[in-house]
């Protein structure tokens, strides 16, 4: 009897041990199958070479320019001093806002004109008191200089029209309008 008893006791643990081994093998094979599947998909995507993502063409395609930003047209017609004044400067100088000398007010412009053209231009380009810098804005420094001359001359100055920058055609100045006015007299 004792032999029968031992044989049934050993059979039960062997059966249970087989279940455990099969469960462990199954649980190990499932993640392995997932990893193999992912590697296969990765290889299929790059043609199986594994290095095609590092070719010069692939790198250039990833870092190519998407678009361009243009901050202004390089070939636009230069604005006259009057045009710049009307578009930019008149906001403050037409009404004398926050201490800006009014356009054409000789008494307000007189002390400023005495400092000279260069000082006025420097103030316009870099800003002074409540006036913000105009350099780097919607108009070129040359166009701002034309506006400075236009406003100062309206306030009693006799500044000459600034010379056009190299590489640009000399714009129509106020001189043709002045000669047309003197011809009409």
N, C-alpha and C. Protein backbone atom coordinates (compact mmCIF):
# COMPACT_ATOMS: atom_id res chain seq x y z
N UNK A 1 0.78 -1.18 0.00
CA UNK A 1 0.00 0.00 0.00
C UNK A 1 0.83 1.25 0.00
N UNK A 2 1.88 1.09 0.68
CA UNK A 2 2.71 2.27 0.74
C UNK A 2 3.27 2.62 -0.62
N UNK A 3 3.47 1.62 -1.51
CA UNK A 3 3.97 1.93 -2.84
C UNK A 3 2.95 2.68 -3.66
N UNK A 4 1.70 2.31 -3.51
CA UNK A 4 0.65 3.00 -4.25
C UNK A 4 0.53 4.44 -3.78
N UNK A 5 0.68 4.58 -2.53
CA UNK A 5 0.53 5.92 -1.97
C UNK A 5 1.62 6.85 -2.48
N UNK A 6 2.83 6.33 -2.55
CA UNK A 6 3.94 7.16 -3.04
C UNK A 6 3.80 7.48 -4.50
N UNK A 7 3.31 6.56 -5.31
CA UNK A 7 3.20 6.80 -6.74
C UNK A 7 2.17 7.86 -7.05
N UNK A 8 1.07 7.93 -6.34
CA UNK A 8 0.07 8.97 -6.60
C UNK A 8 0.54 10.33 -6.09
N UNK A 9 1.32 10.35 -5.04
CA UNK A 9 1.81 11.63 -4.53
C UNK A 9 2.82 12.23 -5.50
N UNK A 10 3.65 11.38 -6.15
CA UNK A 10 4.64 11.90 -7.09
C UNK A 10 4.01 12.32 -8.39
N UNK A 11 2.94 11.74 -8.81
CA UNK A 11 2.28 12.07 -10.07
C UNK A 11 1.64 13.44 -10.01
N UNK A 12 1.09 13.81 -8.92
CA UNK A 12 0.40 15.09 -8.81
C UNK A 12 1.38 16.25 -8.93
N UNK A 13 2.52 16.20 -8.23
CA UNK A 13 3.45 17.31 -8.38
C UNK A 13 4.05 17.38 -9.78
N UNK A 14 4.26 16.30 -10.47
CA UNK A 14 4.81 16.32 -11.82
C UNK A 14 3.83 16.98 -12.77
N UNK A 15 2.57 16.71 -12.64
CA UNK A 15 1.55 17.30 -13.49
C UNK A 15 1.49 18.81 -13.23
N UNK A 16 1.52 19.20 -12.00
CA UNK A 16 1.47 20.61 -11.62
C UNK A 16 2.74 21.32 -12.07
N UNK A 17 3.88 20.64 -12.02
CA UNK A 17 5.13 21.22 -12.45
C UNK A 17 5.13 21.45 -13.95
N UNK A 18 4.55 20.55 -14.71
CA UNK A 18 4.46 20.69 -16.16
C UNK A 18 3.62 21.90 -16.52
N UNK A 19 2.53 22.12 -15.80
CA UNK A 19 1.67 23.29 -16.05
C UNK A 19 2.45 24.58 -15.81
N UNK A 20 3.24 24.59 -14.75
CA UNK A 20 4.01 25.78 -14.41
C UNK A 20 5.05 26.07 -15.48
N UNK A 21 5.73 25.04 -15.95
CA UNK A 21 6.77 25.22 -16.98
C UNK A 21 6.13 25.72 -18.27
N UNK A 22 5.01 25.12 -18.66
CA UNK A 22 4.33 25.56 -19.89
C UNK A 22 3.84 27.00 -19.77
N UNK A 23 3.37 27.39 -18.61
CA UNK A 23 2.91 28.76 -18.40
C UNK A 23 4.08 29.73 -18.50
N UNK A 24 5.20 29.39 -17.91
CA UNK A 24 6.38 30.26 -17.96
C UNK A 24 6.89 30.38 -19.39
N UNK A 25 6.94 29.26 -20.10
CA UNK A 25 7.41 29.28 -21.49
C UNK A 25 6.47 30.14 -22.33
N UNK A 26 5.17 29.99 -22.14
CA UNK A 26 4.19 30.77 -22.89
C UNK A 26 4.34 32.26 -22.59
N UNK A 27 4.47 32.60 -21.31
CA UNK A 27 4.61 33.99 -20.93
C UNK A 27 5.93 34.60 -21.42
N UNK A 28 6.94 33.79 -21.62
CA UNK A 28 8.21 34.28 -22.15
C UNK A 28 8.14 34.44 -23.66
N UNK A 29 7.40 33.57 -24.32
CA UNK A 29 7.31 33.62 -25.78
C UNK A 29 6.43 34.76 -26.29
N UNK A 30 5.42 35.16 -25.56
CA UNK A 30 4.54 36.25 -26.00
C UNK A 30 5.32 37.56 -26.13
N UNK A 31 6.06 38.00 -25.11
CA UNK A 31 6.84 39.24 -25.30
C UNK A 31 7.90 39.10 -26.39
N UNK A 32 8.51 37.90 -26.50
CA UNK A 32 9.49 37.68 -27.55
C UNK A 32 8.85 37.82 -28.93
N UNK A 33 7.65 37.30 -29.09
CA UNK A 33 6.94 37.41 -30.36
C UNK A 33 6.61 38.88 -30.67
N UNK A 34 6.26 39.64 -29.66
CA UNK A 34 5.96 41.06 -29.85
C UNK A 34 7.22 41.81 -30.28
N UNK A 35 8.34 41.53 -29.65
CA UNK A 35 9.60 42.19 -30.00
C UNK A 35 9.99 41.83 -31.43
N UNK A 36 9.87 40.56 -31.82
CA UNK A 36 10.21 40.13 -33.18
C UNK A 36 9.30 40.84 -34.18
N UNK A 37 8.03 40.97 -33.85
CA UNK A 37 7.08 41.65 -34.74
C UNK A 37 7.46 43.12 -34.92
N UNK A 38 7.82 43.79 -33.84
CA UNK A 38 8.22 45.20 -33.93
C UNK A 38 9.50 45.38 -34.74
N UNK A 39 10.46 44.49 -34.56
CA UNK A 39 11.70 44.57 -35.33
C UNK A 39 11.41 44.35 -36.81
N UNK A 40 10.54 43.42 -37.12
CA UNK A 40 10.17 43.15 -38.51
C UNK A 40 9.52 44.37 -39.15
N UNK A 41 8.63 45.02 -38.42
CA UNK A 41 7.99 46.23 -38.94
C UNK A 41 9.00 47.34 -39.15
N UNK A 42 9.95 47.51 -38.24
CA UNK A 42 10.98 48.54 -38.36
C UNK A 42 11.85 48.28 -39.59
N UNK A 43 12.26 47.03 -39.77
CA UNK A 43 13.10 46.68 -40.91
C UNK A 43 12.34 46.88 -42.21
N UNK A 44 11.06 46.57 -42.24
CA UNK A 44 10.25 46.73 -43.45
C UNK A 44 10.14 48.21 -43.81
N UNK A 45 10.10 49.06 -42.82
CA UNK A 45 9.94 50.50 -43.07
C UNK A 45 11.18 51.10 -43.72
N UNK A 46 12.37 50.68 -43.33
CA UNK A 46 13.58 51.27 -43.90
C UNK A 46 14.27 50.36 -44.92
N UNK A 47 13.55 49.40 -45.45
CA UNK A 47 14.09 48.54 -46.50
C UNK A 47 14.99 47.44 -46.00
N UNK A 48 15.06 47.25 -44.70
CA UNK A 48 15.85 46.17 -44.16
C UNK A 48 17.32 46.49 -43.96
N UNK A 49 17.74 47.69 -44.34
CA UNK A 49 19.17 48.01 -44.20
C UNK A 49 19.50 48.44 -42.79
N UNK A 50 18.57 49.10 -42.12
CA UNK A 50 18.82 49.56 -40.77
C UNK A 50 19.62 50.85 -40.73
N UNK A 51 20.19 51.29 -41.85
CA UNK A 51 21.02 52.49 -41.86
C UNK A 51 20.50 53.55 -42.83
N UNK A 52 19.42 53.27 -43.53
CA UNK A 52 18.95 54.23 -44.54
C UNK A 52 18.50 55.55 -43.94
N UNK A 53 18.18 55.55 -42.67
CA UNK A 53 17.78 56.80 -42.02
C UNK A 53 18.97 57.72 -41.85
N UNK A 54 20.18 57.21 -41.98
CA UNK A 54 21.38 58.02 -41.78
C UNK A 54 22.07 58.40 -43.09
N UNK A 55 21.44 58.14 -44.22
CA UNK A 55 22.05 58.55 -45.49
C UNK A 55 21.97 60.06 -45.61
N UNK A 56 22.84 60.61 -46.45
CA UNK A 56 22.86 62.06 -46.63
C UNK A 56 21.51 62.59 -47.12
N UNK A 57 20.90 61.87 -48.05
CA UNK A 57 19.62 62.30 -48.61
C UNK A 57 18.53 62.30 -47.53
N UNK A 58 18.53 61.28 -46.70
CA UNK A 58 17.52 61.19 -45.64
C UNK A 58 17.71 62.31 -44.62
N UNK A 59 18.95 62.60 -44.28
CA UNK A 59 19.23 63.66 -43.30
C UNK A 59 18.83 65.01 -43.89
N UNK A 60 19.20 65.26 -45.16
CA UNK A 60 18.84 66.53 -45.79
C UNK A 60 17.33 66.70 -45.89
N UNK A 61 16.62 65.60 -46.14
CA UNK A 61 15.16 65.70 -46.23
C UNK A 61 14.55 66.07 -44.87
N UNK A 62 15.17 65.59 -43.78
CA UNK A 62 14.63 65.91 -42.46
C UNK A 62 14.94 67.33 -42.01
N UNK A 63 16.05 67.90 -42.48
CA UNK A 63 16.42 69.23 -42.00
C UNK A 63 16.25 70.31 -43.05
N UNK A 64 15.54 70.03 -44.12
CA UNK A 64 15.36 71.03 -45.17
C UNK A 64 14.52 72.20 -44.68
N UNK A 65 14.65 73.33 -45.36
CA UNK A 65 13.87 74.51 -45.02
C UNK A 65 12.40 74.23 -45.30
N UNK A 66 11.56 74.66 -44.40
CA UNK A 66 10.13 74.48 -44.58
C UNK A 66 9.53 75.69 -45.27
N UNK A 67 10.06 76.86 -44.97
CA UNK A 67 9.55 78.09 -45.57
C UNK A 67 10.56 79.20 -45.38
N UNK A 68 10.23 80.33 -45.92
CA UNK A 68 11.10 81.50 -45.82
C UNK A 68 10.28 82.65 -45.26
N UNK A 69 10.94 83.50 -44.49
CA UNK A 69 10.30 84.69 -43.95
C UNK A 69 10.93 85.89 -44.61
N UNK A 70 10.11 86.75 -45.17
CA UNK A 70 10.61 87.97 -45.78
C UNK A 70 10.05 89.14 -44.99
N UNK A 71 10.96 89.95 -44.44
CA UNK A 71 10.53 91.05 -43.60
C UNK A 71 10.23 92.32 -44.39
N UNK A 72 10.50 92.31 -45.62
CA UNK A 72 10.22 93.48 -46.44
C UNK A 72 10.69 93.25 -47.85
N UNK A 73 10.09 93.93 -48.74
CA UNK A 73 10.46 93.79 -50.13
C UNK A 73 11.74 94.56 -50.39
N UNK A 74 12.68 93.96 -51.02
CA UNK A 74 13.94 94.60 -51.31
C UNK A 74 13.86 95.56 -52.49
N UNK A 75 12.81 95.47 -53.28
CA UNK A 75 12.73 96.26 -54.49
C UNK A 75 11.51 97.17 -54.49
N UNK A 76 11.18 97.75 -53.36
CA UNK A 76 10.04 98.65 -53.36
C UNK A 76 10.51 100.07 -53.62
N UNK A 77 9.62 100.90 -54.06
CA UNK A 77 9.95 102.29 -54.35
C UNK A 77 10.17 103.04 -53.04
N UNK A 78 11.24 103.83 -52.98
CA UNK A 78 11.54 104.60 -51.78
C UNK A 78 10.48 105.68 -51.58
N UNK A 79 10.11 105.90 -50.32
CA UNK A 79 9.09 106.89 -49.97
C UNK A 79 9.72 108.26 -49.79
N UNK A 80 8.95 109.28 -50.09
CA UNK A 80 9.41 110.64 -49.88
C UNK A 80 9.29 110.98 -48.40
N UNK A 81 9.89 112.10 -48.01
CA UNK A 81 9.78 112.55 -46.63
C UNK A 81 8.33 112.81 -46.25
N UNK A 82 7.56 113.37 -47.16
CA UNK A 82 6.14 113.65 -46.89
C UNK A 82 5.37 112.34 -46.71
N UNK A 83 5.66 111.34 -47.55
CA UNK A 83 4.97 110.05 -47.43
C UNK A 83 5.25 109.40 -46.06
N UNK A 84 6.50 109.44 -45.64
CA UNK A 84 6.88 108.85 -44.36
C UNK A 84 6.23 109.64 -43.22
N UNK A 85 6.25 110.95 -43.33
CA UNK A 85 5.61 111.80 -42.30
C UNK A 85 4.14 111.43 -42.17
N UNK A 86 3.44 111.35 -43.28
CA UNK A 86 2.00 111.03 -43.24
C UNK A 86 1.74 109.64 -42.68
N UNK A 87 2.59 108.68 -43.03
CA UNK A 87 2.37 107.29 -42.61
C UNK A 87 2.82 107.04 -41.17
N UNK A 88 3.89 107.69 -40.72
CA UNK A 88 4.48 107.34 -39.43
C UNK A 88 4.51 108.49 -38.44
N UNK A 89 5.00 109.62 -38.87
CA UNK A 89 5.33 110.70 -37.94
C UNK A 89 4.12 111.55 -37.55
N UNK A 90 3.15 111.65 -38.45
CA UNK A 90 2.01 112.54 -38.19
C UNK A 90 1.19 112.12 -36.98
N UNK A 91 1.28 110.87 -36.60
CA UNK A 91 0.53 110.38 -35.44
C UNK A 91 0.78 111.25 -34.22
N UNK A 92 2.03 111.62 -34.00
CA UNK A 92 2.38 112.46 -32.84
C UNK A 92 2.64 113.92 -33.24
N UNK A 93 3.30 114.13 -34.37
CA UNK A 93 3.73 115.49 -34.72
C UNK A 93 2.62 116.36 -35.29
N UNK A 94 1.53 115.82 -35.76
CA UNK A 94 0.43 116.64 -36.27
C UNK A 94 -0.29 117.34 -35.12
N UNK A 95 -0.42 116.67 -33.99
CA UNK A 95 -1.15 117.23 -32.85
C UNK A 95 -0.24 117.63 -31.69
N UNK A 96 1.04 117.32 -31.78
CA UNK A 96 1.96 117.65 -30.69
C UNK A 96 1.77 116.75 -29.48
N UNK A 97 1.49 115.49 -29.72
CA UNK A 97 1.23 114.52 -28.65
C UNK A 97 2.50 114.31 -27.81
N UNK A 98 2.34 114.22 -26.50
CA UNK A 98 3.38 113.97 -25.50
C UNK A 98 4.69 114.72 -25.76
N UNK A 99 4.58 115.99 -26.07
CA UNK A 99 5.75 116.85 -26.22
C UNK A 99 6.39 116.86 -27.59
N UNK A 100 5.82 116.18 -28.56
CA UNK A 100 6.37 116.20 -29.91
C UNK A 100 6.14 117.58 -30.52
N UNK A 101 7.15 118.16 -31.17
CA UNK A 101 6.94 119.46 -31.80
C UNK A 101 5.95 119.32 -32.96
N UNK A 102 4.98 120.22 -33.01
CA UNK A 102 3.97 120.15 -34.07
C UNK A 102 4.60 120.46 -35.42
N UNK A 103 4.08 119.82 -36.43
CA UNK A 103 4.55 120.04 -37.79
C UNK A 103 4.33 121.51 -38.16
N UNK A 104 5.39 122.16 -38.64
CA UNK A 104 5.30 123.55 -39.08
C UNK A 104 5.40 124.59 -37.98
N UNK A 105 5.54 124.20 -36.72
CA UNK A 105 5.63 125.14 -35.60
C UNK A 105 7.09 125.56 -35.45
N UNK A 106 7.43 126.74 -36.01
CA UNK A 106 8.82 127.21 -36.02
C UNK A 106 9.36 127.41 -34.61
N UNK A 107 8.53 127.88 -33.69
CA UNK A 107 9.00 128.10 -32.32
C UNK A 107 9.40 126.79 -31.65
N UNK A 108 8.64 125.73 -31.87
CA UNK A 108 8.94 124.44 -31.27
C UNK A 108 10.13 123.77 -31.96
N UNK A 109 10.25 123.95 -33.26
CA UNK A 109 11.32 123.31 -34.02
C UNK A 109 12.64 124.07 -33.93
N UNK A 110 12.61 125.37 -33.67
CA UNK A 110 13.82 126.21 -33.65
C UNK A 110 14.96 125.64 -32.82
N UNK A 111 14.75 125.36 -31.52
CA UNK A 111 15.85 124.83 -30.71
C UNK A 111 16.35 123.47 -31.22
N UNK A 112 15.47 122.70 -31.77
CA UNK A 112 15.87 121.38 -32.29
C UNK A 112 16.69 121.53 -33.57
N UNK A 113 16.28 122.47 -34.42
CA UNK A 113 17.00 122.71 -35.67
C UNK A 113 18.42 123.20 -35.37
N UNK A 114 18.58 124.00 -34.30
CA UNK A 114 19.91 124.51 -33.93
C UNK A 114 20.87 123.39 -33.57
N UNK A 115 20.36 122.24 -33.11
CA UNK A 115 21.25 121.11 -32.79
C UNK A 115 21.83 120.49 -34.05
N UNK A 116 21.21 120.74 -35.20
CA UNK A 116 21.71 120.25 -36.48
C UNK A 116 20.98 119.01 -36.98
N UNK A 117 21.17 118.78 -38.27
CA UNK A 117 20.51 117.66 -38.95
C UNK A 117 20.91 116.32 -38.34
N UNK A 118 22.20 116.12 -38.09
CA UNK A 118 22.68 114.83 -37.57
C UNK A 118 22.05 114.50 -36.22
N UNK A 119 21.92 115.50 -35.35
CA UNK A 119 21.31 115.27 -34.03
C UNK A 119 19.83 114.92 -34.18
N UNK A 120 19.13 115.61 -35.09
CA UNK A 120 17.72 115.30 -35.32
C UNK A 120 17.56 113.89 -35.88
N UNK A 121 18.40 113.55 -36.83
CA UNK A 121 18.33 112.21 -37.43
C UNK A 121 18.63 111.14 -36.39
N UNK A 122 19.63 111.36 -35.56
CA UNK A 122 19.98 110.42 -34.50
C UNK A 122 18.80 110.22 -33.54
N UNK A 123 18.12 111.31 -33.19
CA UNK A 123 16.95 111.20 -32.30
C UNK A 123 15.84 110.39 -32.96
N UNK A 124 15.64 110.61 -34.26
CA UNK A 124 14.59 109.88 -34.98
C UNK A 124 14.92 108.40 -35.08
N UNK A 125 16.17 108.09 -35.40
CA UNK A 125 16.54 106.69 -35.59
C UNK A 125 16.64 105.91 -34.28
N UNK A 126 17.16 106.56 -33.23
CA UNK A 126 17.38 105.86 -31.96
C UNK A 126 16.31 106.14 -30.91
N UNK A 127 15.48 107.15 -31.15
CA UNK A 127 14.45 107.50 -30.18
C UNK A 127 14.95 108.53 -29.19
N UNK A 128 14.03 109.31 -28.67
CA UNK A 128 14.39 110.32 -27.67
C UNK A 128 13.14 110.65 -26.88
N UNK A 129 13.29 110.74 -25.56
CA UNK A 129 12.16 111.02 -24.66
C UNK A 129 11.02 110.05 -24.96
N UNK A 130 9.87 110.56 -25.37
CA UNK A 130 8.71 109.69 -25.62
C UNK A 130 8.67 109.11 -27.03
N UNK A 131 9.59 109.55 -27.90
CA UNK A 131 9.59 109.06 -29.29
C UNK A 131 10.34 107.72 -29.35
N UNK A 132 9.69 106.75 -29.94
CA UNK A 132 10.31 105.43 -30.09
C UNK A 132 11.30 105.46 -31.26
N UNK A 133 12.27 104.56 -31.27
CA UNK A 133 13.22 104.50 -32.39
C UNK A 133 12.50 104.15 -33.69
N UNK A 134 12.87 104.82 -34.76
CA UNK A 134 12.27 104.55 -36.07
C UNK A 134 13.16 103.64 -36.92
N UNK A 135 14.42 103.49 -36.54
CA UNK A 135 15.33 102.65 -37.30
C UNK A 135 14.89 101.20 -37.21
N UNK A 136 14.92 100.51 -38.34
CA UNK A 136 14.53 99.11 -38.36
C UNK A 136 13.03 98.90 -38.42
N UNK A 137 12.27 99.95 -38.59
CA UNK A 137 10.82 99.84 -38.66
C UNK A 137 10.35 99.63 -40.09
N UNK A 138 9.19 100.18 -40.38
CA UNK A 138 8.58 99.99 -41.69
C UNK A 138 9.34 100.72 -42.79
N UNK A 139 10.13 101.72 -42.41
CA UNK A 139 10.84 102.53 -43.40
C UNK A 139 12.34 102.39 -43.20
N UNK A 140 13.08 102.55 -44.29
CA UNK A 140 14.54 102.49 -44.21
C UNK A 140 15.07 103.73 -43.49
N UNK A 141 16.30 103.65 -43.04
CA UNK A 141 16.92 104.80 -42.39
C UNK A 141 16.96 106.00 -43.34
N UNK A 142 17.16 105.73 -44.62
CA UNK A 142 17.17 106.81 -45.61
C UNK A 142 15.80 107.50 -45.69
N UNK A 143 14.75 106.69 -45.70
CA UNK A 143 13.41 107.27 -45.77
C UNK A 143 13.10 108.08 -44.51
N UNK A 144 13.55 107.59 -43.35
CA UNK A 144 13.36 108.34 -42.10
C UNK A 144 14.13 109.65 -42.18
N UNK A 145 15.34 109.61 -42.76
CA UNK A 145 16.11 110.85 -42.88
C UNK A 145 15.40 111.86 -43.77
N UNK A 146 14.73 111.39 -44.78
CA UNK A 146 13.95 112.29 -45.65
C UNK A 146 12.78 112.91 -44.88
N UNK A 147 12.17 112.13 -43.99
CA UNK A 147 11.07 112.65 -43.18
C UNK A 147 11.58 113.69 -42.19
N UNK A 148 12.76 113.47 -41.63
CA UNK A 148 13.36 114.44 -40.71
C UNK A 148 13.57 115.77 -41.43
N UNK A 149 14.13 115.72 -42.63
CA UNK A 149 14.36 116.94 -43.41
C UNK A 149 13.03 117.61 -43.74
N UNK A 150 12.04 116.82 -44.13
CA UNK A 150 10.72 117.36 -44.48
C UNK A 150 10.11 118.11 -43.29
N UNK A 151 10.13 117.49 -42.10
CA UNK A 151 9.53 118.12 -40.92
C UNK A 151 10.34 119.33 -40.45
N UNK A 152 11.67 119.20 -40.43
CA UNK A 152 12.51 120.31 -39.98
C UNK A 152 12.39 121.50 -40.92
N UNK A 153 12.37 121.25 -42.22
CA UNK A 153 12.24 122.34 -43.18
C UNK A 153 10.87 123.02 -43.06
N UNK A 154 9.84 122.27 -42.71
CA UNK A 154 8.52 122.87 -42.49
C UNK A 154 8.53 123.74 -41.24
N UNK A 155 9.47 123.47 -40.33
CA UNK A 155 9.60 124.26 -39.11
C UNK A 155 10.64 125.37 -39.22
N UNK A 156 11.18 125.60 -40.42
CA UNK A 156 12.08 126.71 -40.62
C UNK A 156 13.51 126.35 -40.97
N UNK A 157 13.86 125.09 -41.01
CA UNK A 157 15.23 124.70 -41.36
C UNK A 157 15.43 124.82 -42.86
N UNK A 158 16.66 124.77 -43.25
CA UNK A 158 17.02 124.81 -44.68
C UNK A 158 17.92 123.61 -45.00
N UNK A 159 17.56 122.45 -44.50
CA UNK A 159 18.37 121.25 -44.73
C UNK A 159 18.19 120.77 -46.16
N UNK A 160 19.29 120.28 -46.74
CA UNK A 160 19.24 119.70 -48.09
C UNK A 160 18.70 118.27 -48.01
N UNK A 161 18.09 117.85 -49.08
CA UNK A 161 17.57 116.47 -49.19
C UNK A 161 18.76 115.51 -49.03
N UNK A 162 18.68 114.49 -48.18
CA UNK A 162 19.81 113.56 -48.01
C UNK A 162 20.09 112.80 -49.31
N UNK A 163 21.34 112.46 -49.50
CA UNK A 163 21.73 111.70 -50.69
C UNK A 163 21.20 110.28 -50.60
N UNK A 164 20.78 109.77 -51.75
CA UNK A 164 20.26 108.39 -51.81
C UNK A 164 21.38 107.41 -51.52
N UNK A 165 21.08 106.29 -50.84
CA UNK A 165 22.12 105.30 -50.57
C UNK A 165 22.65 104.71 -51.87
N UNK A 166 23.88 104.24 -51.83
CA UNK A 166 24.50 103.64 -53.01
C UNK A 166 23.68 102.46 -53.49
N UNK A 167 23.55 102.34 -54.80
CA UNK A 167 22.83 101.21 -55.37
C UNK A 167 21.35 101.46 -55.58
N UNK A 168 20.86 102.65 -55.23
CA UNK A 168 19.45 102.95 -55.47
C UNK A 168 19.37 104.13 -56.42
N UNK A 169 18.32 104.14 -57.19
CA UNK A 169 18.10 105.26 -58.10
C UNK A 169 17.71 106.47 -57.27
N UNK A 170 18.18 107.62 -57.65
CA UNK A 170 17.83 108.85 -56.93
C UNK A 170 16.33 109.07 -57.06
N UNK A 171 15.61 109.13 -55.94
CA UNK A 171 14.16 109.29 -55.99
C UNK A 171 13.78 110.70 -56.37
N UNK A 172 12.57 110.81 -56.83
CA UNK A 172 12.03 112.13 -57.15
C UNK A 172 11.97 112.92 -55.86
N UNK A 173 12.60 114.05 -55.82
CA UNK A 173 12.61 114.88 -54.61
C UNK A 173 11.61 116.00 -54.75
N UNK A 174 11.57 116.87 -53.77
CA UNK A 174 10.66 117.99 -53.79
C UNK A 174 11.11 119.04 -54.80
N UNK A 175 12.33 118.94 -55.32
CA UNK A 175 12.87 119.93 -56.24
C UNK A 175 12.03 120.07 -57.51
N UNK A 176 11.57 118.98 -58.18
CA UNK A 176 10.75 119.18 -59.36
C UNK A 176 9.45 119.91 -59.04
N UNK A 177 8.87 119.64 -57.87
CA UNK A 177 7.64 120.32 -57.50
C UNK A 177 7.90 121.80 -57.27
N UNK A 178 9.08 122.12 -56.67
CA UNK A 178 9.44 123.51 -56.44
C UNK A 178 9.69 124.23 -57.74
N UNK A 179 10.35 123.57 -58.71
CA UNK A 179 10.59 124.24 -59.98
C UNK A 179 9.30 124.41 -60.76
N UNK A 180 8.35 123.49 -60.58
CA UNK A 180 7.06 123.63 -61.26
C UNK A 180 6.29 124.80 -60.65
N UNK A 181 6.43 124.99 -59.33
CA UNK A 181 5.74 126.09 -58.68
C UNK A 181 6.34 127.44 -59.11
N UNK A 182 7.68 127.49 -59.26
CA UNK A 182 8.29 128.76 -59.67
C UNK A 182 8.03 129.03 -61.14
N UNK A 183 7.86 127.99 -61.94
CA UNK A 183 7.54 128.18 -63.34
C UNK A 183 6.14 128.73 -63.52
N UNK A 184 5.25 128.37 -62.58
CA UNK A 184 3.86 128.84 -62.67
C UNK A 184 3.75 130.31 -62.33
N UNK A 185 4.73 130.87 -61.59
CA UNK A 185 4.67 132.29 -61.22
C UNK A 185 5.10 133.08 -62.35
